[in-house]
Amino acid sequence: MPALLFALVTWQIVADGPLLRVDERVSRALVHPDRASELLSDLGGAAVAVPVLALVAGWVARLGRAARTRRWWLPPLSAAVLLALVPAIVVPLKEWTARHGTPAVPPGVGYYPSGHTATAAIAYGSATLLLLPLLRSARSRRLLVAGCLALVLGVSFGLVRHGYHWPLDVVASWCLCAVLLFALWRFLKRVGVTGRPPSWPDPPPPRASPVREVPDR
């Protein structure tokens, strides 16, 4: 479904379809540049999102290595590779579609899809997938996923609110990243490093003290 929606939106952008008129009306209703929206959009920049994923990946790798987990390096490496693929996918799409920006930004093209949204979704989403197997309770896993969604939605809102991107630029990045994160989740699940808590070795039971028989007196 996300892939089909991405194809539909991209077709409308390239063909200058009627969906763009709706997109422009929604943008005009939402744009209100302020400091809060700028700060939210900054959370999707590489200066913030990339170090977050790097810290999580390094911590997960350290835990896996300490626990002598088989292929402990694979999940962090996969997340890093996926994040590195983001500009390789987004930049050609920007050049091909050559969509102009909103009236709130200087004249130019290359706004579709949103690179900040894609960076935030992949960085925070991959970090979430790395951390989920370390959480034992369903409540903590739900909170982690909710926090990730809140971050991505916050970045998306900030970009649209400040006028950095049209709403469809953001929606397209959602769809694209949903496909990429699903692929990462399936890969990690197939190699057996996600979807369940890690099997940390249980501590050995305490040794019972020998019972000495007391002779009858």
N, C-alpha and C. Protein backbone atom coordinates (compact mmCIF):
# COMPACT_ATOMS: atom_id res chain seq x y z
N MET A 1 0.81 -1.21 0.00
CA MET A 1 0.00 0.00 0.00
C MET A 1 0.85 1.27 0.00
N PRO A 2 1.88 1.40 0.89
CA PRO A 2 2.71 2.60 0.83
C PRO A 2 3.40 2.78 -0.52
N ALA A 3 3.83 1.68 -1.12
CA ALA A 3 4.50 1.79 -2.42
C ALA A 3 3.55 2.30 -3.48
N LEU A 4 2.30 1.83 -3.46
CA LEU A 4 1.32 2.31 -4.44
C LEU A 4 0.99 3.78 -4.22
N LEU A 5 0.87 4.18 -2.96
CA LEU A 5 0.58 5.58 -2.66
C LEU A 5 1.75 6.47 -3.09
N PHE A 6 2.97 6.00 -2.89
CA PHE A 6 4.14 6.76 -3.32
C PHE A 6 4.14 6.91 -4.84
N ALA A 7 3.82 5.84 -5.54
CA ALA A 7 3.77 5.91 -7.01
C ALA A 7 2.69 6.88 -7.48
N LEU A 8 1.54 6.87 -6.80
CA LEU A 8 0.45 7.77 -7.17
C LEU A 8 0.84 9.23 -6.96
N VAL A 9 1.41 9.52 -5.81
CA VAL A 9 1.80 10.90 -5.51
C VAL A 9 2.88 11.37 -6.47
N THR A 10 3.85 10.51 -6.75
CA THR A 10 4.92 10.87 -7.67
C THR A 10 4.37 11.14 -9.06
N TRP A 11 3.43 10.34 -9.49
CA TRP A 11 2.81 10.56 -10.80
C TRP A 11 2.10 11.91 -10.84
N GLN A 12 1.41 12.26 -9.77
CA GLN A 12 0.73 13.55 -9.72
C GLN A 12 1.73 14.71 -9.76
N ILE A 13 2.86 14.55 -9.11
CA ILE A 13 3.88 15.59 -9.11
C ILE A 13 4.45 15.78 -10.51
N VAL A 14 4.80 14.69 -11.15
CA VAL A 14 5.42 14.77 -12.48
C VAL A 14 4.43 15.28 -13.52
N ALA A 15 3.17 14.82 -13.41
CA ALA A 15 2.16 15.18 -14.40
C ALA A 15 1.43 16.47 -14.08
N ASP A 16 1.81 17.12 -12.96
CA ASP A 16 1.12 18.33 -12.52
C ASP A 16 -0.38 18.08 -12.41
N GLY A 17 -0.71 17.00 -11.71
CA GLY A 17 -2.09 16.56 -11.60
C GLY A 17 -2.92 17.39 -10.64
N PRO A 18 -4.21 17.10 -10.58
CA PRO A 18 -5.13 17.89 -9.73
C PRO A 18 -4.82 17.76 -8.24
N LEU A 19 -4.13 16.70 -7.84
CA LEU A 19 -3.80 16.53 -6.43
C LEU A 19 -2.88 17.65 -5.94
N LEU A 20 -2.15 18.25 -6.85
CA LEU A 20 -1.25 19.33 -6.45
C LEU A 20 -2.03 20.57 -6.02
N ARG A 21 -3.20 20.80 -6.63
CA ARG A 21 -4.00 21.95 -6.22
C ARG A 21 -4.47 21.79 -4.78
N VAL A 22 -4.86 20.57 -4.44
CA VAL A 22 -5.27 20.30 -3.06
C VAL A 22 -4.08 20.48 -2.13
N ASP A 23 -2.93 19.99 -2.54
CA ASP A 23 -1.72 20.10 -1.74
C ASP A 23 -1.37 21.57 -1.46
N GLU A 24 -1.51 22.40 -2.46
CA GLU A 24 -1.18 23.82 -2.29
C GLU A 24 -2.17 24.52 -1.36
N ARG A 25 -3.44 24.14 -1.44
CA ARG A 25 -4.43 24.74 -0.54
C ARG A 25 -4.17 24.33 0.90
N VAL A 26 -3.84 23.07 1.11
CA VAL A 26 -3.54 22.59 2.47
C VAL A 26 -2.31 23.31 3.01
N SER A 27 -1.31 23.49 2.15
CA SER A 27 -0.10 24.17 2.58
C SER A 27 -0.38 25.61 3.00
N ARG A 28 -1.17 26.33 2.21
CA ARG A 28 -1.49 27.71 2.55
C ARG A 28 -2.21 27.82 3.90
N ALA A 29 -3.02 26.80 4.20
CA ALA A 29 -3.76 26.81 5.46
C ALA A 29 -2.87 26.49 6.66
N LEU A 30 -1.77 25.77 6.42
CA LEU A 30 -0.94 25.32 7.53
C LEU A 30 0.31 26.15 7.76
N VAL A 31 0.82 26.80 6.72
CA VAL A 31 2.10 27.50 6.84
C VAL A 31 1.99 28.67 7.81
N HIS A 32 2.87 28.65 8.79
CA HIS A 32 2.99 29.76 9.74
C HIS A 32 4.39 29.65 10.36
N PRO A 33 5.40 30.18 9.67
CA PRO A 33 6.78 30.03 10.17
C PRO A 33 6.96 30.61 11.57
N ASP A 34 7.53 29.81 12.44
CA ASP A 34 7.85 30.27 13.78
C ASP A 34 9.04 29.46 14.29
N ARG A 35 9.50 29.82 15.46
CA ARG A 35 10.69 29.18 16.01
C ARG A 35 10.43 27.72 16.35
N ALA A 36 9.25 27.42 16.85
CA ALA A 36 8.93 26.03 17.23
C ALA A 36 8.97 25.11 16.03
N SER A 37 8.36 25.53 14.91
CA SER A 37 8.36 24.68 13.72
C SER A 37 9.76 24.51 13.16
N GLU A 38 10.59 25.53 13.30
CA GLU A 38 11.98 25.41 12.84
C GLU A 38 12.76 24.41 13.66
N LEU A 39 12.55 24.44 14.99
CA LEU A 39 13.23 23.49 15.86
C LEU A 39 12.78 22.06 15.59
N LEU A 40 11.48 21.88 15.36
CA LEU A 40 10.98 20.55 15.04
C LEU A 40 11.58 20.02 13.75
N SER A 41 11.63 20.86 12.75
CA SER A 41 12.20 20.43 11.46
C SER A 41 13.68 20.10 11.58
N ASP A 42 14.39 20.78 12.49
CA ASP A 42 15.81 20.51 12.67
C ASP A 42 16.07 19.11 13.20
N LEU A 43 15.08 18.51 13.86
CA LEU A 43 15.25 17.15 14.36
C LEU A 43 15.39 16.13 13.23
N GLY A 44 15.02 16.53 12.02
CA GLY A 44 15.18 15.65 10.87
C GLY A 44 16.46 15.87 10.11
N GLY A 45 17.28 16.80 10.56
CA GLY A 45 18.55 17.05 9.90
C GLY A 45 19.57 15.98 10.22
N ALA A 46 20.55 15.83 9.34
CA ALA A 46 21.59 14.83 9.56
C ALA A 46 22.40 15.11 10.81
N ALA A 47 22.51 16.38 11.19
CA ALA A 47 23.30 16.73 12.37
C ALA A 47 22.70 16.19 13.66
N VAL A 48 21.41 15.89 13.66
CA VAL A 48 20.73 15.37 14.85
C VAL A 48 20.41 13.89 14.69
N ALA A 49 19.77 13.53 13.58
CA ALA A 49 19.27 12.17 13.41
C ALA A 49 20.39 11.14 13.25
N VAL A 50 21.42 11.49 12.52
CA VAL A 50 22.51 10.53 12.29
C VAL A 50 23.25 10.19 13.59
N PRO A 51 23.63 11.17 14.42
CA PRO A 51 24.27 10.79 15.69
C PRO A 51 23.38 9.94 16.60
N VAL A 52 22.07 10.18 16.56
CA VAL A 52 21.17 9.36 17.38
C VAL A 52 21.25 7.90 16.96
N LEU A 53 21.18 7.65 15.66
CA LEU A 53 21.27 6.27 15.19
C LEU A 53 22.66 5.70 15.47
N ALA A 54 23.69 6.52 15.32
CA ALA A 54 25.05 6.03 15.58
C ALA A 54 25.22 5.60 17.03
N LEU A 55 24.68 6.38 17.97
CA LEU A 55 24.77 6.04 19.38
C LEU A 55 24.02 4.75 19.69
N VAL A 56 22.80 4.64 19.15
CA VAL A 56 22.01 3.43 19.39
C VAL A 56 22.69 2.21 18.77
N ALA A 57 23.17 2.35 17.54
CA ALA A 57 23.82 1.23 16.86
C ALA A 57 25.08 0.81 17.61
N GLY A 58 25.86 1.78 18.07
CA GLY A 58 27.07 1.44 18.82
C GLY A 58 26.76 0.74 20.13
N TRP A 59 25.71 1.21 20.82
CA TRP A 59 25.34 0.57 22.09
C TRP A 59 24.83 -0.84 21.88
N VAL A 60 23.99 -1.03 20.84
CA VAL A 60 23.47 -2.37 20.55
C VAL A 60 24.60 -3.30 20.14
N ALA A 61 25.54 -2.80 19.36
CA ALA A 61 26.68 -3.63 18.96
C ALA A 61 27.52 -4.03 20.17
N ARG A 62 27.71 -3.10 21.07
CA ARG A 62 28.50 -3.40 22.29
C ARG A 62 27.81 -4.46 23.13
N LEU A 63 26.49 -4.33 23.30
CA LEU A 63 25.76 -5.34 24.07
C LEU A 63 25.82 -6.70 23.40
N GLY A 64 25.63 -6.71 22.08
CA GLY A 64 25.66 -7.98 21.37
C GLY A 64 27.01 -8.65 21.44
N ARG A 65 28.05 -7.86 21.33
CA ARG A 65 29.40 -8.43 21.40
C ARG A 65 29.70 -8.95 22.80
N ALA A 66 29.28 -8.18 23.83
CA ALA A 66 29.52 -8.61 25.20
C ALA A 66 28.78 -9.90 25.51
N ALA A 67 27.58 -10.05 24.93
CA ALA A 67 26.80 -11.27 25.15
C ALA A 67 27.19 -12.39 24.21
N ARG A 68 28.19 -12.13 23.34
CA ARG A 68 28.65 -13.12 22.36
C ARG A 68 27.51 -13.60 21.47
N THR A 69 26.67 -12.64 21.09
CA THR A 69 25.57 -12.95 20.19
C THR A 69 26.11 -13.26 18.80
N ARG A 70 25.56 -14.25 18.17
CA ARG A 70 25.98 -14.61 16.81
C ARG A 70 25.63 -13.48 15.85
N ARG A 71 26.58 -13.06 15.05
CA ARG A 71 26.43 -11.96 14.09
C ARG A 71 25.91 -10.69 14.77
N TRP A 72 26.52 -10.34 15.89
CA TRP A 72 26.10 -9.17 16.65
C TRP A 72 26.26 -7.88 15.86
N TRP A 73 27.15 -7.90 14.89
CA TRP A 73 27.44 -6.70 14.10
C TRP A 73 26.41 -6.46 13.00
N LEU A 74 25.61 -7.47 12.67
CA LEU A 74 24.73 -7.36 11.51
C LEU A 74 23.61 -6.34 11.67
N PRO A 75 22.85 -6.32 12.79
CA PRO A 75 21.79 -5.31 12.90
C PRO A 75 22.30 -3.87 12.84
N PRO A 76 23.34 -3.48 13.61
CA PRO A 76 23.82 -2.10 13.49
C PRO A 76 24.32 -1.76 12.10
N LEU A 77 25.01 -2.70 11.47
CA LEU A 77 25.51 -2.44 10.12
C LEU A 77 24.37 -2.27 9.13
N SER A 78 23.33 -3.09 9.26
CA SER A 78 22.18 -2.99 8.34
C SER A 78 21.49 -1.64 8.48
N ALA A 79 21.34 -1.17 9.72
CA ALA A 79 20.71 0.13 9.94
C ALA A 79 21.55 1.26 9.35
N ALA A 80 22.87 1.16 9.49
CA ALA A 80 23.75 2.19 8.94
C ALA A 80 23.70 2.20 7.42
N VAL A 81 23.68 1.03 6.82
CA VAL A 81 23.61 0.94 5.35
C VAL A 81 22.29 1.52 4.84
N LEU A 82 21.20 1.23 5.54
CA LEU A 82 19.91 1.76 5.12
C LEU A 82 19.89 3.28 5.18
N LEU A 83 20.46 3.84 6.24
CA LEU A 83 20.50 5.30 6.33
C LEU A 83 21.38 5.90 5.23
N ALA A 84 22.45 5.21 4.89
CA ALA A 84 23.32 5.69 3.81
C ALA A 84 22.62 5.65 2.45
N LEU A 85 21.64 4.76 2.32
CA LEU A 85 20.91 4.67 1.06
C LEU A 85 19.91 5.82 0.86
N VAL A 86 19.57 6.51 1.94
CA VAL A 86 18.55 7.56 1.83
C VAL A 86 18.92 8.62 0.80
N PRO A 87 20.09 9.25 0.88
CA PRO A 87 20.41 10.25 -0.16
C PRO A 87 20.56 9.64 -1.54
N ALA A 88 20.99 8.38 -1.61
CA ALA A 88 21.13 7.74 -2.91
C ALA A 88 19.78 7.53 -3.59
N ILE A 89 18.72 7.46 -2.79
CA ILE A 89 17.37 7.29 -3.35
C ILE A 89 16.67 8.64 -3.51
N VAL A 90 16.80 9.50 -2.50
CA VAL A 90 16.05 10.75 -2.49
C VAL A 90 16.61 11.76 -3.49
N VAL A 91 17.92 11.91 -3.57
CA VAL A 91 18.50 12.92 -4.44
C VAL A 91 18.13 12.73 -5.91
N PRO A 92 18.23 11.51 -6.48
CA PRO A 92 17.78 11.35 -7.87
C PRO A 92 16.30 11.66 -8.06
N LEU A 93 15.47 11.34 -7.06
CA LEU A 93 14.05 11.66 -7.17
C LEU A 93 13.84 13.17 -7.18
N LYS A 94 14.60 13.88 -6.36
CA LYS A 94 14.50 15.34 -6.35
C LYS A 94 14.87 15.92 -7.72
N GLU A 95 15.95 15.41 -8.29
CA GLU A 95 16.39 15.93 -9.59
C GLU A 95 15.39 15.59 -10.70
N TRP A 96 14.80 14.40 -10.62
CA TRP A 96 13.87 13.97 -11.67
C TRP A 96 12.56 14.75 -11.61
N THR A 97 11.99 14.87 -10.39
CA THR A 97 10.69 15.55 -10.27
C THR A 97 10.83 17.06 -10.36
N ALA A 98 11.93 17.62 -9.85
CA ALA A 98 12.21 19.06 -9.94
C ALA A 98 11.02 19.90 -9.47
N ARG A 99 10.46 19.53 -8.34
CA ARG A 99 9.32 20.29 -7.83
C ARG A 99 9.78 21.57 -7.15
N HIS A 100 9.07 22.65 -7.41
CA HIS A 100 9.41 23.93 -6.80
C HIS A 100 8.98 23.96 -5.35
N GLY A 101 9.57 24.88 -4.59
CA GLY A 101 9.25 24.99 -3.18
C GLY A 101 8.03 25.85 -2.93
N THR A 102 7.67 25.95 -1.67
CA THR A 102 6.53 26.77 -1.27
C THR A 102 6.91 28.25 -1.35
N PRO A 103 5.93 29.14 -1.29
CA PRO A 103 6.25 30.58 -1.29
C PRO A 103 7.08 31.02 -0.09
N ALA A 104 7.17 30.19 0.94
CA ALA A 104 7.91 30.57 2.14
C ALA A 104 9.41 30.37 2.01
N VAL A 105 9.86 29.70 0.96
CA VAL A 105 11.29 29.44 0.77
C VAL A 105 11.76 30.14 -0.50
N PRO A 106 13.07 30.33 -0.64
CA PRO A 106 13.58 30.96 -1.87
C PRO A 106 13.23 30.14 -3.10
N PRO A 107 13.09 30.78 -4.26
CA PRO A 107 12.76 30.04 -5.49
C PRO A 107 13.80 28.97 -5.78
N GLY A 108 13.32 27.84 -6.22
CA GLY A 108 14.20 26.72 -6.52
C GLY A 108 13.40 25.45 -6.71
N VAL A 109 14.09 24.40 -7.10
CA VAL A 109 13.44 23.11 -7.31
C VAL A 109 14.18 22.05 -6.49
N GLY A 110 13.61 20.85 -6.49
CA GLY A 110 14.23 19.75 -5.77
C GLY A 110 13.69 19.54 -4.38
N TYR A 111 12.39 19.77 -4.20
CA TYR A 111 11.80 19.64 -2.87
C TYR A 111 11.05 18.33 -2.68
N TYR A 112 10.95 17.53 -3.72
CA TYR A 112 10.18 16.28 -3.60
C TYR A 112 11.09 15.08 -3.85
N PRO A 113 11.06 14.10 -2.94
CA PRO A 113 10.40 14.07 -1.63
C PRO A 113 11.24 14.79 -0.58
N SER A 114 10.71 14.86 0.64
CA SER A 114 11.38 15.57 1.71
C SER A 114 12.56 14.77 2.25
N GLY A 115 13.75 15.32 2.12
CA GLY A 115 14.93 14.63 2.62
C GLY A 115 14.99 14.60 4.13
N HIS A 116 14.57 15.69 4.78
CA HIS A 116 14.56 15.72 6.25
C HIS A 116 13.60 14.68 6.83
N THR A 117 12.44 14.56 6.19
CA THR A 117 11.48 13.55 6.67
C THR A 117 12.04 12.15 6.50
N ALA A 118 12.66 11.89 5.36
CA ALA A 118 13.23 10.57 5.10
C ALA A 118 14.36 10.26 6.07
N THR A 119 15.22 11.25 6.33
CA THR A 119 16.32 11.05 7.27
C THR A 119 15.80 10.74 8.67
N ALA A 120 14.79 11.50 9.10
CA ALA A 120 14.22 11.27 10.43
C ALA A 120 13.56 9.90 10.51
N ALA A 121 12.78 9.55 9.52
CA ALA A 121 12.06 8.28 9.56
C ALA A 121 13.01 7.09 9.57
N ILE A 122 14.05 7.13 8.74
CA ILE A 122 14.97 6.00 8.69
C ILE A 122 15.87 5.96 9.91
N ALA A 123 16.38 7.10 10.35
CA ALA A 123 17.28 7.11 11.51
C ALA A 123 16.55 6.68 12.77
N TYR A 124 15.42 7.34 13.07
CA TYR A 124 14.69 7.00 14.29
C TYR A 124 13.99 5.66 14.17
N GLY A 125 13.50 5.35 12.98
CA GLY A 125 12.85 4.05 12.79
C GLY A 125 13.82 2.89 12.91
N SER A 126 15.01 3.04 12.33
CA SER A 126 16.02 1.98 12.44
C SER A 126 16.50 1.83 13.87
N ALA A 127 16.67 2.96 14.56
CA ALA A 127 17.06 2.88 15.97
C ALA A 127 16.00 2.14 16.79
N THR A 128 14.75 2.38 16.48
CA THR A 128 13.66 1.68 17.17
C THR A 128 13.72 0.18 16.91
N LEU A 129 13.96 -0.21 15.68
CA LEU A 129 14.05 -1.63 15.36
C LEU A 129 15.23 -2.30 16.05
N LEU A 130 16.31 -1.55 16.24
CA LEU A 130 17.46 -2.11 16.95
C LEU A 130 17.18 -2.28 18.44
N LEU A 131 16.39 -1.38 19.00
CA LEU A 131 16.15 -1.41 20.45
C LEU A 131 15.02 -2.34 20.85
N LEU A 132 14.08 -2.58 19.95
CA LEU A 132 12.92 -3.39 20.32
C LEU A 132 13.28 -4.76 20.89
N PRO A 133 14.25 -5.49 20.32
CA PRO A 133 14.55 -6.81 20.89
C PRO A 133 15.13 -6.75 22.29
N LEU A 134 15.60 -5.58 22.72
CA LEU A 134 16.19 -5.47 24.05
C LEU A 134 15.15 -5.21 25.13
N LEU A 135 13.92 -4.92 24.74
CA LEU A 135 12.87 -4.60 25.69
C LEU A 135 12.01 -5.82 25.94
N ARG A 136 11.80 -6.14 27.20
CA ARG A 136 11.08 -7.37 27.52
C ARG A 136 9.58 -7.17 27.64
N SER A 137 9.13 -6.00 28.07
CA SER A 137 7.71 -5.79 28.29
C SER A 137 7.04 -5.18 27.06
N ALA A 138 5.80 -5.57 26.82
CA ALA A 138 5.06 -5.02 25.69
C ALA A 138 4.82 -3.53 25.86
N ARG A 139 4.64 -3.09 27.08
CA ARG A 139 4.39 -1.66 27.33
C ARG A 139 5.60 -0.82 26.93
N SER A 140 6.79 -1.26 27.28
CA SER A 140 7.98 -0.49 26.92
C SER A 140 8.19 -0.48 25.41
N ARG A 141 7.85 -1.56 24.75
CA ARG A 141 7.98 -1.58 23.29
C ARG A 141 6.98 -0.64 22.64
N ARG A 142 5.76 -0.60 23.18
CA ARG A 142 4.76 0.33 22.64
C ARG A 142 5.20 1.78 22.85
N LEU A 143 5.77 2.07 24.02
CA LEU A 143 6.23 3.42 24.30
C LEU A 143 7.36 3.82 23.35
N LEU A 144 8.24 2.88 23.06
CA LEU A 144 9.34 3.17 22.14
C LEU A 144 8.82 3.48 20.75
N VAL A 145 7.89 2.66 20.26
CA VAL A 145 7.33 2.90 18.93
C VAL A 145 6.57 4.22 18.90
N ALA A 146 5.82 4.49 19.96
CA ALA A 146 5.08 5.76 20.02
C ALA A 146 6.03 6.95 20.02
N GLY A 147 7.14 6.84 20.73
CA GLY A 147 8.12 7.92 20.73
C GLY A 147 8.73 8.14 19.36
N CYS A 148 9.01 7.06 18.67
CA CYS A 148 9.54 7.17 17.31
C CYS A 148 8.55 7.86 16.39
N LEU A 149 7.29 7.44 16.45
CA LEU A 149 6.27 8.06 15.61
C LEU A 149 6.10 9.54 15.94
N ALA A 150 6.15 9.87 17.24
CA ALA A 150 6.02 11.27 17.64
C ALA A 150 7.16 12.12 17.07
N LEU A 151 8.37 11.58 17.08
CA LEU A 151 9.51 12.32 16.53
C LEU A 151 9.34 12.57 15.04
N VAL A 152 8.97 11.52 14.31
CA VAL A 152 8.82 11.66 12.86
C VAL A 152 7.68 12.60 12.51
N LEU A 153 6.56 12.46 13.22
CA LEU A 153 5.44 13.36 12.97
C LEU A 153 5.78 14.79 13.36
N GLY A 154 6.55 14.97 14.43
CA GLY A 154 6.96 16.31 14.81
C GLY A 154 7.83 16.97 13.75
N VAL A 155 8.78 16.21 13.22
CA VAL A 155 9.61 16.73 12.13
C VAL A 155 8.75 17.08 10.93
N SER A 156 7.83 16.20 10.59
CA SER A 156 6.98 16.41 9.42
C SER A 156 6.12 17.66 9.58
N PHE A 157 5.54 17.81 10.76
CA PHE A 157 4.72 18.99 11.01
C PHE A 157 5.56 20.26 10.95
N GLY A 158 6.75 20.21 11.53
CA GLY A 158 7.60 21.39 11.50
C GLY A 158 7.98 21.80 10.09
N LEU A 159 8.24 20.84 9.23
CA LEU A 159 8.61 21.14 7.85
C LEU A 159 7.46 21.79 7.09
N VAL A 160 6.26 21.27 7.28
CA VAL A 160 5.09 21.83 6.59
C VAL A 160 4.70 23.16 7.22
N ARG A 161 4.72 23.24 8.53
CA ARG A 161 4.32 24.46 9.23
C ARG A 161 5.23 25.63 8.89
N HIS A 162 6.51 25.35 8.78
CA HIS A 162 7.45 26.42 8.48
C HIS A 162 7.50 26.75 6.99
N GLY A 163 6.90 25.89 6.16
CA GLY A 163 6.89 26.12 4.73
C GLY A 163 8.10 25.57 4.01
N TYR A 164 8.90 24.75 4.68
CA TYR A 164 10.05 24.15 4.03
C TYR A 164 9.64 23.15 2.95
N HIS A 165 8.49 22.51 3.15
CA HIS A 165 8.01 21.49 2.21
C HIS A 165 6.50 21.56 2.06
N TRP A 166 6.04 21.12 0.90
CA TRP A 166 4.62 20.89 0.70
C TRP A 166 4.21 19.63 1.47
N PRO A 167 2.95 19.52 1.85
CA PRO A 167 2.50 18.30 2.55
C PRO A 167 2.77 17.02 1.78
N LEU A 168 2.60 17.03 0.46
CA LEU A 168 2.82 15.81 -0.31
C LEU A 168 4.29 15.40 -0.33
N ASP A 169 5.20 16.37 -0.19
CA ASP A 169 6.61 16.01 -0.09
C ASP A 169 6.85 15.13 1.12
N VAL A 170 6.19 15.47 2.20
CA VAL A 170 6.33 14.73 3.46
C VAL A 170 5.63 13.38 3.37
N VAL A 171 4.43 13.37 2.81
CA VAL A 171 3.68 12.12 2.68
C VAL A 171 4.44 11.12 1.82
N ALA A 172 5.05 11.59 0.76
CA ALA A 172 5.83 10.71 -0.11
C ALA A 172 7.00 10.08 0.65
N SER A 173 7.66 10.86 1.49
CA SER A 173 8.77 10.31 2.27
C SER A 173 8.27 9.29 3.28
N TRP A 174 7.09 9.53 3.86
CA TRP A 174 6.51 8.52 4.75
C TRP A 174 6.37 7.18 4.02
N CYS A 175 5.77 7.24 2.85
CA CYS A 175 5.52 6.01 2.09
C CYS A 175 6.82 5.32 1.71
N LEU A 176 7.78 6.10 1.24
CA LEU A 176 9.06 5.52 0.84
C LEU A 176 9.76 4.86 2.02
N CYS A 177 9.78 5.55 3.15
CA CYS A 177 10.47 5.02 4.32
C CYS A 177 9.73 3.85 4.95
N ALA A 178 8.42 3.81 4.82
CA ALA A 178 7.67 2.66 5.32
C ALA A 178 8.10 1.39 4.59
N VAL A 179 8.32 1.50 3.29
CA VAL A 179 8.78 0.35 2.51
C VAL A 179 10.19 -0.05 2.94
N LEU A 180 11.07 0.93 3.11
CA LEU A 180 12.45 0.63 3.48
C LEU A 180 12.55 0.04 4.88
N LEU A 181 11.80 0.59 5.83
CA LEU A 181 11.84 0.07 7.19
C LEU A 181 11.21 -1.31 7.29
N PHE A 182 10.17 -1.54 6.50
CA PHE A 182 9.58 -2.88 6.48
C PHE A 182 10.58 -3.90 5.95
N ALA A 183 11.34 -3.51 4.93
CA ALA A 183 12.37 -4.40 4.39
C ALA A 183 13.44 -4.68 5.44
N LEU A 184 13.84 -3.64 6.20
CA LEU A 184 14.82 -3.85 7.26
C LEU A 184 14.27 -4.76 8.35
N TRP A 185 13.01 -4.55 8.74
CA TRP A 185 12.39 -5.39 9.77
C TRP A 185 12.33 -6.85 9.32
N ARG A 186 11.94 -7.08 8.07
CA ARG A 186 11.87 -8.45 7.57
C ARG A 186 13.25 -9.09 7.53
N PHE A 187 14.26 -8.32 7.16
CA PHE A 187 15.62 -8.85 7.11
C PHE A 187 16.10 -9.22 8.49
N LEU A 188 15.91 -8.32 9.46
CA LEU A 188 16.35 -8.62 10.81
C LEU A 188 15.58 -9.78 11.42
N LYS A 189 14.31 -9.87 11.09
CA LYS A 189 13.51 -10.99 11.60
C LYS A 189 13.98 -12.30 11.00
N ARG A 190 14.36 -12.27 9.72
CA ARG A 190 14.80 -13.50 9.07
C ARG A 190 16.11 -14.01 9.65
N VAL A 191 16.99 -13.08 10.01
CA VAL A 191 18.26 -13.52 10.60
C VAL A 191 18.13 -13.73 12.10
N GLY A 192 16.92 -13.50 12.64
CA GLY A 192 16.66 -13.86 14.03
C GLY A 192 17.16 -12.89 15.06
N VAL A 193 17.17 -11.57 14.72
CA VAL A 193 17.66 -10.60 15.69
C VAL A 193 16.63 -9.54 16.01
N THR A 194 15.37 -9.77 15.72
CA THR A 194 14.34 -8.81 16.07
C THR A 194 13.04 -9.54 16.33
N GLY A 195 12.10 -8.85 16.93
CA GLY A 195 10.78 -9.40 17.17
C GLY A 195 10.63 -10.14 18.48
N ARG A 196 11.75 -10.33 19.23
CA ARG A 196 11.65 -11.01 20.51
C ARG A 196 12.80 -10.55 21.40
N PRO A 197 12.64 -10.62 22.70
CA PRO A 197 13.71 -10.20 23.58
C PRO A 197 14.92 -11.09 23.41
N PRO A 198 16.11 -10.60 23.68
CA PRO A 198 17.30 -11.41 23.56
C PRO A 198 17.34 -12.50 24.61
N SER A 199 17.95 -13.60 24.24
CA SER A 199 18.03 -14.72 25.17
C SER A 199 19.31 -14.58 25.98
N TRP A 200 19.27 -13.68 26.97
CA TRP A 200 20.44 -13.50 27.82
C TRP A 200 20.60 -14.75 28.69
N PRO A 201 21.84 -15.18 28.89
CA PRO A 201 22.04 -16.38 29.71
C PRO A 201 21.58 -16.15 31.14
N ASP A 202 20.88 -17.12 31.68
CA ASP A 202 20.43 -17.01 33.07
C ASP A 202 21.60 -17.27 34.00
N PRO A 203 21.62 -16.59 35.15
CA PRO A 203 22.70 -16.83 36.11
C PRO A 203 22.59 -18.23 36.69
N PRO A 204 23.73 -18.84 36.98
CA PRO A 204 23.66 -20.20 37.55
C PRO A 204 23.00 -20.18 38.91
N PRO A 205 22.27 -21.23 39.25
CA PRO A 205 21.62 -21.27 40.56
C PRO A 205 22.66 -21.34 41.67
N PRO A 206 22.34 -20.79 42.83
CA PRO A 206 23.29 -20.84 43.95
C PRO A 206 23.54 -22.27 44.40
N ARG A 207 24.77 -22.51 44.71
CA ARG A 207 25.13 -23.86 45.15
C ARG A 207 24.67 -24.07 46.60
N ALA A 208 23.99 -25.19 46.79
CA ALA A 208 23.49 -25.49 48.13
C ALA A 208 24.63 -25.97 49.03
N SER A 209 24.62 -25.52 50.23
CA SER A 209 25.64 -25.96 51.18
C SER A 209 25.37 -27.40 51.59
N PRO A 210 26.41 -28.20 51.67
CA PRO A 210 26.18 -29.60 52.08
C PRO A 210 25.59 -29.69 53.48
N VAL A 211 24.65 -30.58 53.63
CA VAL A 211 23.99 -30.79 54.93
C VAL A 211 24.75 -31.85 55.70
N ARG A 212 25.20 -31.48 56.84
CA ARG A 212 25.93 -32.42 57.67
C ARG A 212 24.98 -33.10 58.66
N GLU A 213 25.10 -34.40 58.72
CA GLU A 213 24.26 -35.14 59.66
C GLU A 213 24.84 -35.01 61.08
N VAL A 214 23.94 -34.71 61.98
CA VAL A 214 24.37 -34.60 63.39
C VAL A 214 24.15 -35.94 64.06
N PRO A 215 25.23 -36.52 64.59
CA PRO A 215 25.03 -37.84 65.24
C PRO A 215 24.17 -37.76 66.49
N ASP A 216 23.43 -38.85 66.71
CA ASP A 216 22.60 -38.89 67.90
C ASP A 216 23.47 -38.94 69.13
N ARG A 217 23.02 -38.32 70.16
CA ARG A 217 23.78 -38.32 71.41
C ARG A 217 23.01 -39.14 72.44
